[in-house]
Amino acid sequence: MRNGLYLHQAKCIEQALNRKSVALCTSTASGKSLAFTVPPINDLIKDKDSFSFFIYPTKALANDQINKLKQLANNLGLGDIIRKYDGDVRAKARKEAIKNGRIIVCTLHSTT
């Protein structure tokens, strides 16, 4: 561990913060989510106009991550910036998500 991070997390975050392409392949529950979440959160803190799309393969995984992202955003004082955008979200809420969300969480197939 380096600064509370696993080595693969630290390297991934460092490369992403330096705007390098990164591929991270590691086992379940090894910290991939944190590794790819830190760089966009860093951007959100530094630039009030930045936003990110987080794309997940399933709604179940997206919903699980939404809760964790909301907790992280609140802990960092970013407020209510996480929005869901998938087939379960009505048109009005989709418009609100695009207008007010800074992290938009969606699935690969948002209509299923």
PDB file of N, CA and C in Angstrom:
ATOM      1  N   MET A   1       0.837  -1.196   0.000  1.00  0.00           N
ATOM      2  CA  MET A   1       0.000   0.000   0.000  1.00  0.00           C
ATOM      3  C   MET A   1       0.868   1.241   0.000  1.00  0.00           C
ATOM      4  N   ARG A   2       0.396   2.245  -0.709  1.00  0.00           N
ATOM      5  CA  ARG A   2       1.094   3.526  -0.785  1.00  0.00           C
ATOM      6  C   ARG A   2       0.069   4.617  -0.496  1.00  0.00           C
ATOM      7  N   ASN A   3       0.279   5.350   0.577  1.00  0.00           N
ATOM      8  CA  ASN A   3      -0.653   6.416   0.971  1.00  0.00           C
ATOM      9  C   ASN A   3      -2.078   5.894   1.130  1.00  0.00           C
ATOM     10  N   GLY A   4      -2.231   4.684   1.666  1.00  0.00           N
ATOM     11  CA  GLY A   4      -3.556   4.114   1.866  1.00  0.00           C
ATOM     12  C   GLY A   4      -4.148   3.478   0.624  1.00  0.00           C
ATOM     13  N   LEU A   5      -3.410   3.463  -0.463  1.00  0.00           N
ATOM     14  CA  LEU A   5      -3.879   2.856  -1.707  1.00  0.00           C
ATOM     15  C   LEU A   5      -3.033   1.632  -2.019  1.00  0.00           C
ATOM     16  N   TYR A   6      -3.639   0.689  -2.701  1.00  0.00           N
ATOM     17  CA  TYR A   6      -2.853  -0.407  -3.259  1.00  0.00           C
ATOM     18  C   TYR A   6      -2.024   0.154  -4.405  1.00  0.00           C
ATOM     19  N   LEU A   7      -0.925  -0.509  -4.699  1.00  0.00           N
ATOM     20  CA  LEU A   7      -0.022  -0.035  -5.738  1.00  0.00           C
ATOM     21  C   LEU A   7      -0.735   0.117  -7.082  1.00  0.00           C
ATOM     22  N   HIS A   8      -1.590  -0.848  -7.445  1.00  0.00           N
ATOM     23  CA  HIS A   8      -2.282  -0.747  -8.733  1.00  0.00           C
ATOM     24  C   HIS A   8      -3.234   0.452  -8.763  1.00  0.00           C
ATOM     25  N   GLN A   9      -3.832   0.791  -7.629  1.00  0.00           N
ATOM     26  CA  GLN A   9      -4.699   1.964  -7.559  1.00  0.00           C
ATOM     27  C   GLN A   9      -3.883   3.242  -7.724  1.00  0.00           C
ATOM     28  N   ALA A  10      -2.793   3.331  -6.995  1.00  0.00           N
ATOM     29  CA  ALA A  10      -1.952   4.528  -7.056  1.00  0.00           C
ATOM     30  C   ALA A  10      -1.422   4.760  -8.462  1.00  0.00           C
ATOM     31  N   LYS A  11      -0.971   3.687  -9.115  1.00  0.00           N
ATOM     32  CA  LYS A  11      -0.451   3.829 -10.475  1.00  0.00           C
ATOM     33  C   LYS A  11      -1.540   4.235 -11.450  1.00  0.00           C
ATOM     34  N   CYS A  12      -2.709   3.640 -11.320  1.00  0.00           N
ATOM     35  CA  CYS A  12      -3.836   3.977 -12.196  1.00  0.00           C
ATOM     36  C   CYS A  12      -4.230   5.443 -12.021  1.00  0.00           C
ATOM     37  N   ILE A  13      -4.382   5.869 -10.789  1.00  0.00           N
ATOM     38  CA  ILE A  13      -4.769   7.255 -10.504  1.00  0.00           C
ATOM     39  C   ILE A  13      -3.718   8.226 -11.029  1.00  0.00           C
ATOM     40  N   GLU A  14      -2.463   7.921 -10.779  1.00  0.00           N
ATOM     41  CA  GLU A  14      -1.381   8.794 -11.245  1.00  0.00           C
ATOM     42  C   GLU A  14      -1.411   8.939 -12.774  1.00  0.00           C
ATOM     43  N   GLN A  15      -1.546   7.841 -13.470  1.00  0.00           N
ATOM     44  CA  GLN A  15      -1.574   7.889 -14.932  1.00  0.00           C
ATOM     45  C   GLN A  15      -2.796   8.678 -15.434  1.00  0.00           C
ATOM     46  N   ALA A  16      -3.952   8.417 -14.844  1.00  0.00           N
ATOM     47  CA  ALA A  16      -5.164   9.115 -15.267  1.00  0.00           C
ATOM     48  C   ALA A  16      -5.079  10.617 -14.990  1.00  0.00           C
ATOM     49  N   LEU A  17      -4.534  10.979 -13.832  1.00  0.00           N
ATOM     50  CA  LEU A  17      -4.382  12.402 -13.520  1.00  0.00           C
ATOM     51  C   LEU A  17      -3.417  13.093 -14.481  1.00  0.00           C
ATOM     52  N   ASN A  18      -2.504  12.319 -15.047  1.00  0.00           N
ATOM     53  CA  ASN A  18      -1.572  12.840 -16.049  1.00  0.00           C
ATOM     54  C   ASN A  18      -2.117  12.694 -17.466  1.00  0.00           C
ATOM     55  N   ARG A  19      -3.434  12.400 -17.552  1.00  0.00           N
ATOM     56  CA  ARG A  19      -4.150  12.296 -18.835  1.00  0.00           C
ATOM     57  C   ARG A  19      -3.612  11.196 -19.735  1.00  0.00           C
ATOM     58  N   LYS A  20      -3.145  10.121 -19.129  1.00  0.00           N
ATOM     59  CA  LYS A  20      -2.683   8.947 -19.867  1.00  0.00           C
ATOM     60  C   LYS A  20      -3.811   7.925 -19.917  1.00  0.00           C
ATOM     61  N   SER A  21      -3.859   7.142 -20.959  1.00  0.00           N
ATOM     62  CA  SER A  21      -4.834   6.057 -21.049  1.00  0.00           C
ATOM     63  C   SER A  21      -4.453   4.959 -20.071  1.00  0.00           C
ATOM     64  N   VAL A  22      -5.467   4.364 -19.463  1.00  0.00           N
ATOM     65  CA  VAL A  22      -5.221   3.347 -18.449  1.00  0.00           C
ATOM     66  C   VAL A  22      -6.184   2.183 -18.662  1.00  0.00           C
ATOM     67  N   ALA A  23      -5.677   0.981 -18.531  1.00  0.00           N
ATOM     68  CA  ALA A  23      -6.499  -0.226 -18.471  1.00  0.00           C
ATOM     69  C   ALA A  23      -6.159  -0.926 -17.170  1.00  0.00           C
ATOM     70  N   LEU A  24      -7.162  -1.226 -16.390  1.00  0.00           N
ATOM     71  CA  LEU A  24      -6.943  -1.855 -15.094  1.00  0.00           C
ATOM     72  C   LEU A  24      -7.742  -3.148 -15.039  1.00  0.00           C
ATOM     73  N   CYS A  25      -7.056  -4.241 -14.902  1.00  0.00           N
ATOM     74  CA  CYS A  25      -7.683  -5.553 -14.826  1.00  0.00           C
ATOM     75  C   CYS A  25      -7.205  -6.219 -13.545  1.00  0.00           C
ATOM     76  N   THR A  26      -8.100  -6.360 -12.600  1.00  0.00           N
ATOM     77  CA  THR A  26      -7.751  -6.955 -11.324  1.00  0.00           C
ATOM     78  C   THR A  26      -8.989  -7.629 -10.745  1.00  0.00           C
ATOM     79  N   SER A  27      -8.835  -8.398  -9.725  1.00  0.00           N
ATOM     80  CA  SER A  27      -9.923  -9.214  -9.206  1.00  0.00           C
ATOM     81  C   SER A  27     -11.037  -8.393  -8.562  1.00  0.00           C
ATOM     82  N   THR A  28     -12.146  -9.057  -8.325  1.00  0.00           N
ATOM     83  CA  THR A  28     -13.296  -8.449  -7.665  1.00  0.00           C
ATOM     84  C   THR A  28     -12.893  -7.915  -6.295  1.00  0.00           C
ATOM     85  N   ALA A  29     -13.435  -6.754  -5.956  1.00  0.00           N
ATOM     86  CA  ALA A  29     -13.213  -6.117  -4.651  1.00  0.00           C
ATOM     87  C   ALA A  29     -11.756  -5.754  -4.407  1.00  0.00           C
ATOM     88  N   SER A  30     -11.048  -5.395  -5.476  1.00  0.00           N
ATOM     89  CA  SER A  30      -9.634  -5.025  -5.325  1.00  0.00           C
ATOM     90  C   SER A  30      -9.403  -3.525  -5.483  1.00  0.00           C
ATOM     91  N   GLY A  31     -10.485  -2.757  -5.595  1.00  0.00           N
ATOM     92  CA  GLY A  31     -10.328  -1.311  -5.616  1.00  0.00           C
ATOM     93  C   GLY A  31     -10.370  -0.649  -6.972  1.00  0.00           C
ATOM     94  N   LYS A  32     -10.923  -1.320  -7.984  1.00  0.00           N
ATOM     95  CA  LYS A  32     -11.000  -0.710  -9.313  1.00  0.00           C
ATOM     96  C   LYS A  32     -11.856   0.557  -9.292  1.00  0.00           C
ATOM     97  N   SER A  33     -12.983   0.495  -8.614  1.00  0.00           N
ATOM     98  CA  SER A  33     -13.899   1.648  -8.609  1.00  0.00           C
ATOM     99  C   SER A  33     -13.233   2.901  -8.062  1.00  0.00           C
ATOM    100  N   LEU A  34     -12.522   2.761  -6.964  1.00  0.00           N
ATOM    101  CA  LEU A  34     -11.816   3.916  -6.406  1.00  0.00           C
ATOM    102  C   LEU A  34     -10.776   4.429  -7.384  1.00  0.00           C
ATOM    103  N   ALA A  35     -10.075   3.509  -8.032  1.00  0.00           N
ATOM    104  CA  ALA A  35      -9.020   3.909  -8.966  1.00  0.00           C
ATOM    105  C   ALA A  35      -9.554   4.743 -10.118  1.00  0.00           C
ATOM    106  N   PHE A  36     -10.733   4.416 -10.638  1.00  0.00           N
ATOM    107  CA  PHE A  36     -11.249   5.212 -11.756  1.00  0.00           C
ATOM    108  C   PHE A  36     -12.155   6.350 -11.319  1.00  0.00           C
ATOM    109  N   THR A  37     -12.495   6.402 -10.034  1.00  0.00           N
ATOM    110  CA  THR A  37     -13.343   7.484  -9.533  1.00  0.00           C
ATOM    111  C   THR A  37     -12.538   8.714  -9.111  1.00  0.00           C
ATOM    112  N   VAL A  38     -11.360   8.514  -8.588  1.00  0.00           N
ATOM    113  CA  VAL A  38     -10.567   9.632  -8.066  1.00  0.00           C
ATOM    114  C   VAL A  38     -10.260  10.688  -9.136  1.00  0.00           C
ATOM    115  N   PRO A  39      -9.791  10.334 -10.328  1.00  0.00           N
ATOM    116  CA  PRO A  39      -9.486  11.394 -11.309  1.00  0.00           C
ATOM    117  C   PRO A  39     -10.672  12.282 -11.688  1.00  0.00           C
ATOM    118  N   PRO A  40     -11.861  11.727 -11.989  1.00  0.00           N
ATOM    119  CA  PRO A  40     -12.975  12.637 -12.285  1.00  0.00           C
ATOM    120  C   PRO A  40     -13.422  13.463 -11.083  1.00  0.00           C
ATOM    121  N   ILE A  41     -13.370  12.875  -9.894  1.00  0.00           N
ATOM    122  CA  ILE A  41     -13.715  13.643  -8.695  1.00  0.00           C
ATOM    123  C   ILE A  41     -12.727  14.789  -8.522  1.00  0.00           C
ATOM    124  N   ASN A  42     -11.466  14.534  -8.772  1.00  0.00           N
ATOM    125  CA  ASN A  42     -10.458  15.585  -8.721  1.00  0.00           C
ATOM    126  C   ASN A  42     -10.819  16.715  -9.694  1.00  0.00           C
ATOM    127  N   ASP A  43     -11.226  16.347 -10.903  1.00  0.00           N
ATOM    128  CA  ASP A  43     -11.635  17.357 -11.889  1.00  0.00           C
ATOM    129  C   ASP A  43     -12.839  18.147 -11.408  1.00  0.00           C
ATOM    130  N   LEU A  44     -13.804  17.458 -10.791  1.00  0.00           N
ATOM    131  CA  LEU A  44     -15.013  18.133 -10.299  1.00  0.00           C
ATOM    132  C   LEU A  44     -14.683  19.150  -9.215  1.00  0.00           C
ATOM    133  N   ILE A  45     -13.725  18.812  -8.383  1.00  0.00           N
ATOM    134  CA  ILE A  45     -13.324  19.724  -7.312  1.00  0.00           C
ATOM    135  C   ILE A  45     -12.611  20.946  -7.890  1.00  0.00           C
ATOM    136  N   LYS A  46     -11.769  20.733  -8.885  1.00  0.00           N
ATOM    137  CA  LYS A  46     -10.972  21.810  -9.457  1.00  0.00           C
ATOM    138  C   LYS A  46     -11.738  22.691 -10.446  1.00  0.00           C
ATOM    139  N   ASP A  47     -12.740  22.122 -11.127  1.00  0.00           N
ATOM    140  CA  ASP A  47     -13.442  22.847 -12.186  1.00  0.00           C
ATOM    141  C   ASP A  47     -14.945  22.680 -12.016  1.00  0.00           C
ATOM    142  N   LYS A  48     -15.633  23.750 -11.640  1.00  0.00           N
ATOM    143  CA  LYS A  48     -17.071  23.683 -11.365  1.00  0.00           C
ATOM    144  C   LYS A  48     -17.902  23.354 -12.608  1.00  0.00           C
ATOM    145  N   ASP A  49     -17.324  23.443 -13.787  1.00  0.00           N
ATOM    146  CA  ASP A  49     -18.052  23.141 -15.017  1.00  0.00           C
ATOM    147  C   ASP A  49     -17.772  21.740 -15.566  1.00  0.00           C
ATOM    148  N   SER A  50     -16.907  20.990 -14.905  1.00  0.00           N
ATOM    149  CA  SER A  50     -16.584  19.652 -15.408  1.00  0.00           C
ATOM    150  C   SER A  50     -17.708  18.672 -15.081  1.00  0.00           C
ATOM    151  N   PHE A  51     -17.776  17.606 -15.850  1.00  0.00           N
ATOM    152  CA  PHE A  51     -18.731  16.531 -15.593  1.00  0.00           C
ATOM    153  C   PHE A  51     -18.162  15.244 -16.174  1.00  0.00           C
ATOM    154  N   SER A  52     -18.726  14.124 -15.733  1.00  0.00           N
ATOM    155  CA  SER A  52     -18.258  12.813 -16.187  1.00  0.00           C
ATOM    156  C   SER A  52     -19.436  11.881 -16.397  1.00  0.00           C
ATOM    157  N   PHE A  53     -19.260  10.936 -17.307  1.00  0.00           N
ATOM    158  CA  PHE A  53     -20.188   9.832 -17.489  1.00  0.00           C
ATOM    159  C   PHE A  53     -19.532   8.582 -16.941  1.00  0.00           C
ATOM    160  N   PHE A  54     -20.231   7.873 -16.079  1.00  0.00           N
ATOM    161  CA  PHE A  54     -19.785   6.581 -15.578  1.00  0.00           C
ATOM    162  C   PHE A  54     -20.706   5.548 -16.213  1.00  0.00           C
ATOM    163  N   ILE A  55     -20.155   4.661 -17.014  1.00  0.00           N
ATOM    164  CA  ILE A  55     -20.951   3.691 -17.751  1.00  0.00           C
ATOM    165  C   ILE A  55     -20.671   2.295 -17.197  1.00  0.00           C
ATOM    166  N   TYR A  56     -21.740   1.611 -16.816  1.00  0.00           N
ATOM    167  CA  TYR A  56     -21.649   0.277 -16.241  1.00  0.00           C
ATOM    168  C   TYR A  56     -22.379  -0.722 -17.131  1.00  0.00           C
ATOM    169  N   PRO A  57     -22.007  -2.000 -17.065  1.00  0.00           N
ATOM    170  CA  PRO A  57     -22.637  -2.997 -17.932  1.00  0.00           C
ATOM    171  C   PRO A  57     -24.037  -3.427 -17.480  1.00  0.00           C
ATOM    172  N   THR A  58     -24.365  -3.229 -16.207  1.00  0.00           N
ATOM    173  CA  THR A  58     -25.676  -3.648 -15.702  1.00  0.00           C
ATOM    174  C   THR A  58     -26.266  -2.574 -14.789  1.00  0.00           C
ATOM    175  N   LYS A  59     -27.588  -2.582 -14.694  1.00  0.00           N
ATOM    176  CA  LYS A  59     -28.264  -1.641 -13.798  1.00  0.00           C
ATOM    177  C   LYS A  59     -27.926  -1.938 -12.339  1.00  0.00           C
ATOM    178  N   ALA A  60     -27.833  -3.218 -12.003  1.00  0.00           N
ATOM    179  CA  ALA A  60     -27.533  -3.582 -10.609  1.00  0.00           C
ATOM    180  C   ALA A  60     -26.197  -2.997 -10.167  1.00  0.00           C
ATOM    181  N   LEU A  61     -25.189  -3.128 -10.999  1.00  0.00           N
ATOM    182  CA  LEU A  61     -23.881  -2.566 -10.660  1.00  0.00           C
ATOM    183  C   LEU A  61     -23.938  -1.040 -10.630  1.00  0.00           C
ATOM    184  N   ALA A  62     -24.625  -0.445 -11.593  1.00  0.00           N
ATOM    185  CA  ALA A  62     -24.758   1.016 -11.621  1.00  0.00           C
ATOM    186  C   ALA A  62     -25.447   1.526 -10.361  1.00  0.00           C
ATOM    187  N   ASN A  63     -26.527   0.866  -9.964  1.00  0.00           N
ATOM    188  CA  ASN A  63     -27.251   1.295  -8.762  1.00  0.00           C
ATOM    189  C   ASN A  63     -26.394   1.168  -7.512  1.00  0.00           C
ATOM    190  N   ASP A  64     -25.619   0.104  -7.420  1.00  0.00           N
ATOM    191  CA  ASP A  64     -24.709  -0.073  -6.291  1.00  0.00           C
ATOM    192  C   ASP A  64     -23.678   1.053  -6.260  1.00  0.00           C
ATOM    193  N   GLN A  65     -23.135   1.383  -7.398  1.00  0.00           N
ATOM    194  CA  GLN A  65     -22.108   2.425  -7.479  1.00  0.00           C
ATOM    195  C   GLN A  65     -22.689   3.816  -7.230  1.00  0.00           C
ATOM    196  N   ILE A  66     -23.923   4.053  -7.640  1.00  0.00           N
ATOM    197  CA  ILE A  66     -24.561   5.352  -7.400  1.00  0.00           C
ATOM    198  C   ILE A  66     -24.549   5.679  -5.910  1.00  0.00           C
ATOM    199  N   ASN A  67     -24.925   4.718  -5.097  1.00  0.00           N
ATOM    200  CA  ASN A  67     -24.956   4.954  -3.650  1.00  0.00           C
ATOM    201  C   ASN A  67     -23.576   5.292  -3.108  1.00  0.00           C
ATOM    202  N   LYS A  68     -22.566   4.580  -3.571  1.00  0.00           N
ATOM    203  CA  LYS A  68     -21.196   4.858  -3.119  1.00  0.00           C
ATOM    204  C   LYS A  68     -20.716   6.220  -3.614  1.00  0.00           C
ATOM    205  N   LEU A  69     -21.045   6.557  -4.851  1.00  0.00           N
ATOM    206  CA  LEU A  69     -20.647   7.858  -5.403  1.00  0.00           C
ATOM    207  C   LEU A  69     -21.329   9.006  -4.665  1.00  0.00           C
ATOM    208  N   LYS A  70     -22.608   8.828  -4.349  1.00  0.00           N
ATOM    209  CA  LYS A  70     -23.326   9.872  -3.606  1.00  0.00           C
ATOM    210  C   LYS A  70     -22.703  10.103  -2.234  1.00  0.00           C
ATOM    211  N   GLN A  71     -22.342   9.026  -1.574  1.00  0.00           N
ATOM    212  CA  GLN A  71     -21.705   9.150  -0.259  1.00  0.00           C
ATOM    213  C   GLN A  71     -20.363   9.865  -0.381  1.00  0.00           C
ATOM    214  N   LEU A  72     -19.568   9.492  -1.379  1.00  0.00           N
ATOM    215  CA  LEU A  72     -18.269  10.139  -1.583  1.00  0.00           C
ATOM    216  C   LEU A  72     -18.445  11.620  -1.900  1.00  0.00           C
ATOM    217  N   ALA A  73     -19.365  11.945  -2.795  1.00  0.00           N
ATOM    218  CA  ALA A  73     -19.600  13.349  -3.156  1.00  0.00           C
ATOM    219  C   ALA A  73     -20.026  14.166  -1.935  1.00  0.00           C
ATOM    220  N   ASN A  74     -20.896  13.608  -1.119  1.00  0.00           N
ATOM    221  CA  ASN A  74     -21.332  14.315   0.087  1.00  0.00           C
ATOM    222  C   ASN A  74     -20.189  14.482   1.076  1.00  0.00           C
ATOM    223  N   ASN A  75     -19.372  13.443   1.240  1.00  0.00           N
ATOM    224  CA  ASN A  75     -18.226  13.530   2.155  1.00  0.00           C
ATOM    225  C   ASN A  75     -17.228  14.592   1.715  1.00  0.00           C
ATOM    226  N   LEU A  76     -17.141  14.841   0.407  1.00  0.00           N
ATOM    227  CA  LEU A  76     -16.214  15.840  -0.128  1.00  0.00           C
ATOM    228  C   LEU A  76     -16.852  17.217  -0.273  1.00  0.00           C
ATOM    229  N   GLY A  77     -18.092  17.350   0.150  1.00  0.00           N
ATOM    230  CA  GLY A  77     -18.771  18.637   0.083  1.00  0.00           C
ATOM    231  C   GLY A  77     -19.205  19.032  -1.321  1.00  0.00           C
ATOM    232  N   LEU A  78     -19.334  18.050  -2.208  1.00  0.00           N
ATOM    233  CA  LEU A  78     -19.750  18.352  -3.581  1.00  0.00           C
ATOM    234  C   LEU A  78     -21.270  18.408  -3.730  1.00  0.00           C
ATOM    235  N   GLY A  79     -21.969  17.917  -2.736  1.00  0.00           N
ATOM    236  CA  GLY A  79     -23.420  17.981  -2.748  1.00  0.00           C
ATOM    237  C   GLY A  79     -24.067  16.939  -3.646  1.00  0.00           C
ATOM    238  N   ASP A  80     -25.251  17.284  -4.120  1.00  0.00           N
ATOM    239  CA  ASP A  80     -26.106  16.379  -4.885  1.00  0.00           C
ATOM    240  C   ASP A  80     -25.762  16.458  -6.372  1.00  0.00           C
ATOM    241  N   ILE A  81     -24.691  15.808  -6.783  1.00  0.00           N
ATOM    242  CA  ILE A  81     -24.197  15.934  -8.158  1.00  0.00           C
ATOM    243  C   ILE A  81     -24.324  14.656  -8.974  1.00  0.00           C
ATOM    244  N   ILE A  82     -24.742  13.553  -8.340  1.00  0.00           N
ATOM    245  CA  ILE A  82     -24.813  12.261  -9.010  1.00  0.00           C
ATOM    246  C   ILE A  82     -26.215  12.064  -9.569  1.00  0.00           C
ATOM    247  N   ARG A  83     -26.298  11.690 -10.832  1.00  0.00           N
ATOM    248  CA  ARG A  83     -27.597  11.449 -11.466  1.00  0.00           C
ATOM    249  C   ARG A  83     -27.589  10.118 -12.212  1.00  0.00           C
ATOM    250  N   LYS A  84     -28.701   9.418 -12.111  1.00  0.00           N
ATOM    251  CA  LYS A  84     -28.906   8.157 -12.827  1.00  0.00           C
ATOM    252  C   LYS A  84     -29.563   8.463 -14.173  1.00  0.00           C
ATOM    253  N   TYR A  85     -29.129   7.726 -15.190  1.00  0.00           N
ATOM    254  CA  TYR A  85     -29.686   7.912 -16.532  1.00  0.00           C
ATOM    255  C   TYR A  85     -29.735   6.541 -17.201  1.00  0.00           C
ATOM    256  N   ASP A  86     -30.910   5.893 -17.108  1.00  0.00           N
ATOM    257  CA  ASP A  86     -31.084   4.608 -17.778  1.00  0.00           C
ATOM    258  C   ASP A  86     -32.547   4.445 -18.165  1.00  0.00           C
ATOM    259  N   GLY A  87     -32.918   3.255 -18.597  1.00  0.00           N
ATOM    260  CA  GLY A  87     -34.274   3.010 -19.070  1.00  0.00           C
ATOM    261  C   GLY A  87     -35.340   3.175 -18.012  1.00  0.00           C
ATOM    262  N   ASP A  88     -34.971   3.155 -16.734  1.00  0.00           N
ATOM    263  CA  ASP A  88     -35.934   3.339 -15.650  1.00  0.00           C
ATOM    264  C   ASP A  88     -36.208   4.812 -15.346  1.00  0.00           C
ATOM    265  N   VAL A  89     -35.432   5.694 -15.921  1.00  0.00           N
ATOM    266  CA  VAL A  89     -35.539   7.124 -15.628  1.00  0.00           C
ATOM    267  C   VAL A  89     -36.463   7.778 -16.659  1.00  0.00           C
ATOM    268  N   ARG A  90     -37.471   8.447 -16.177  1.00  0.00           N
ATOM    269  CA  ARG A  90     -38.443   9.118 -17.046  1.00  0.00           C
ATOM    270  C   ARG A  90     -37.800  10.303 -17.775  1.00  0.00           C
ATOM    271  N   ALA A  91     -38.429  10.725 -18.861  1.00  0.00           N
ATOM    272  CA  ALA A  91     -37.886  11.779 -19.724  1.00  0.00           C
ATOM    273  C   ALA A  91     -37.586  13.060 -18.949  1.00  0.00           C
ATOM    274  N   LYS A  92     -38.489  13.477 -18.079  1.00  0.00           N
ATOM    275  CA  LYS A  92     -38.280  14.712 -17.305  1.00  0.00           C
ATOM    276  C   LYS A  92     -37.040  14.586 -16.412  1.00  0.00           C
ATOM    277  N   ALA A  93     -36.892  13.440 -15.766  1.00  0.00           N
ATOM    278  CA  ALA A  93     -35.733  13.223 -14.884  1.00  0.00           C
ATOM    279  C   ALA A  93     -34.446  13.111 -15.699  1.00  0.00           C
ATOM    280  N   ARG A  94     -34.537  12.599 -16.920  1.00  0.00           N
ATOM    281  CA  ARG A  94     -33.346  12.530 -17.784  1.00  0.00           C
ATOM    282  C   ARG A  94     -32.869  13.941 -18.129  1.00  0.00           C
ATOM    283  N   LYS A  95     -33.813  14.809 -18.461  1.00  0.00           N
ATOM    284  CA  LYS A  95     -33.446  16.202 -18.769  1.00  0.00           C
ATOM    285  C   LYS A  95     -32.802  16.863 -17.558  1.00  0.00           C
ATOM    286  N   GLU A  96     -33.369  16.607 -16.369  1.00  0.00           N
ATOM    287  CA  GLU A  96     -32.818  17.167 -15.138  1.00  0.00           C
ATOM    288  C   GLU A  96     -31.413  16.615 -14.886  1.00  0.00           C
ATOM    289  N   ALA A  97     -31.230  15.332 -15.181  1.00  0.00           N
ATOM    290  CA  ALA A  97     -29.920  14.708 -14.967  1.00  0.00           C
ATOM    291  C   ALA A  97     -28.862  15.372 -15.832  1.00  0.00           C
ATOM    292  N   ILE A  98     -29.187  15.590 -17.092  1.00  0.00           N
ATOM    293  CA  ILE A  98     -28.226  16.223 -18.006  1.00  0.00           C
ATOM    294  C   ILE A  98     -27.979  17.677 -17.599  1.00  0.00           C
ATOM    295  N   LYS A  99     -29.021  18.361 -17.157  1.00  0.00           N
ATOM    296  CA  LYS A  99     -28.889  19.772 -16.783  1.00  0.00           C
ATOM    297  C   LYS A  99     -28.106  19.963 -15.478  1.00  0.00           C
ATOM    298  N   ASN A 100     -28.373  19.131 -14.468  1.00  0.00           N
ATOM    299  CA  ASN A 100     -27.828  19.375 -13.132  1.00  0.00           C
ATOM    300  C   ASN A 100     -26.794  18.371 -12.654  1.00  0.00           C
ATOM    301  N   GLY A 101     -26.691  17.240 -13.314  1.00  0.00           N
ATOM    302  CA  GLY A 101     -25.732  16.233 -12.870  1.00  0.00           C
ATOM    303  C   GLY A 101     -24.317  16.582 -13.276  1.00  0.00           C
ATOM    304  N   ARG A 102     -23.389  16.228 -12.437  1.00  0.00           N
ATOM    305  CA  ARG A 102     -21.974  16.398 -12.790  1.00  0.00           C
ATOM    306  C   ARG A 102     -21.314  15.049 -12.980  1.00  0.00           C
ATOM    307  N   ILE A 103     -21.917  14.018 -12.395  1.00  0.00           N
ATOM    308  CA  ILE A 103     -21.571  12.636 -12.717  1.00  0.00           C
ATOM    309  C   ILE A 103     -22.875  11.960 -13.126  1.00  0.00           C
ATOM    310  N   ILE A 104     -22.927  11.527 -14.366  1.00  0.00           N
ATOM    311  CA  ILE A 104     -24.084  10.844 -14.910  1.00  0.00           C
ATOM    312  C   ILE A 104     -23.751   9.347 -14.934  1.00  0.00           C
ATOM    313  N   VAL A 105     -24.562   8.555 -14.253  1.00  0.00           N
ATOM    314  CA  VAL A 105     -24.329   7.115 -14.188  1.00  0.00           C
ATOM    315  C   VAL A 105     -25.347   6.437 -15.090  1.00  0.00           C
ATOM    316  N   CYS A 106     -24.847   5.683 -16.066  1.00  0.00           N
ATOM    317  CA  CYS A 106     -25.743   5.006 -16.990  1.00  0.00           C
ATOM    318  C   CYS A 106     -25.245   3.603 -17.269  1.00  0.00           C
ATOM    319  N   THR A 107     -26.056   2.860 -17.990  1.00  0.00           N
ATOM    320  CA  THR A 107     -25.675   1.507 -18.393  1.00  0.00           C
ATOM    321  C   THR A 107     -25.393   1.492 -19.882  1.00  0.00           C
ATOM    322  N   LEU A 108     -24.792   0.402 -20.330  1.00  0.00           N
ATOM    323  CA  LEU A 108     -24.480   0.279 -21.753  1.00  0.00           C
ATOM    324  C   LEU A 108     -25.742   0.325 -22.602  1.00  0.00           C
ATOM    325  N   HIS A 109     -26.813  -0.238 -22.102  1.00  0.00           N
ATOM    326  CA  HIS A 109     -28.072  -0.266 -22.832  1.00  0.00           C
ATOM    327  C   HIS A 109     -29.113   0.455 -21.998  1.00  0.00           C
ATOM    328  N   SER A 110     -29.158   1.777 -22.122  1.00  0.00           N
ATOM    329  CA  SER A 110     -29.999   2.586 -21.232  1.00  0.00           C
ATOM    330  C   SER A 110     -31.487   2.380 -21.475  1.00  0.00           C
ATOM    331  N   THR A 111     -31.872   1.666 -22.511  1.00  0.00           N
ATOM    332  CA  THR A 111     -33.293   1.448 -22.762  1.00  0.00           C
ATOM    333  C   THR A 111     -33.747   0.076 -22.311  1.00  0.00           C
ATOM    334  N   THR A 112     -32.870  -0.717 -21.731  1.00  0.00           N
ATOM    335  CA  THR A 112     -33.268  -2.058 -21.280  1.00  0.00           C
ATOM    336  C   THR A 112     -33.288  -2.139 -19.778  1.00  0.00           C
TER     337      THR A 112
END
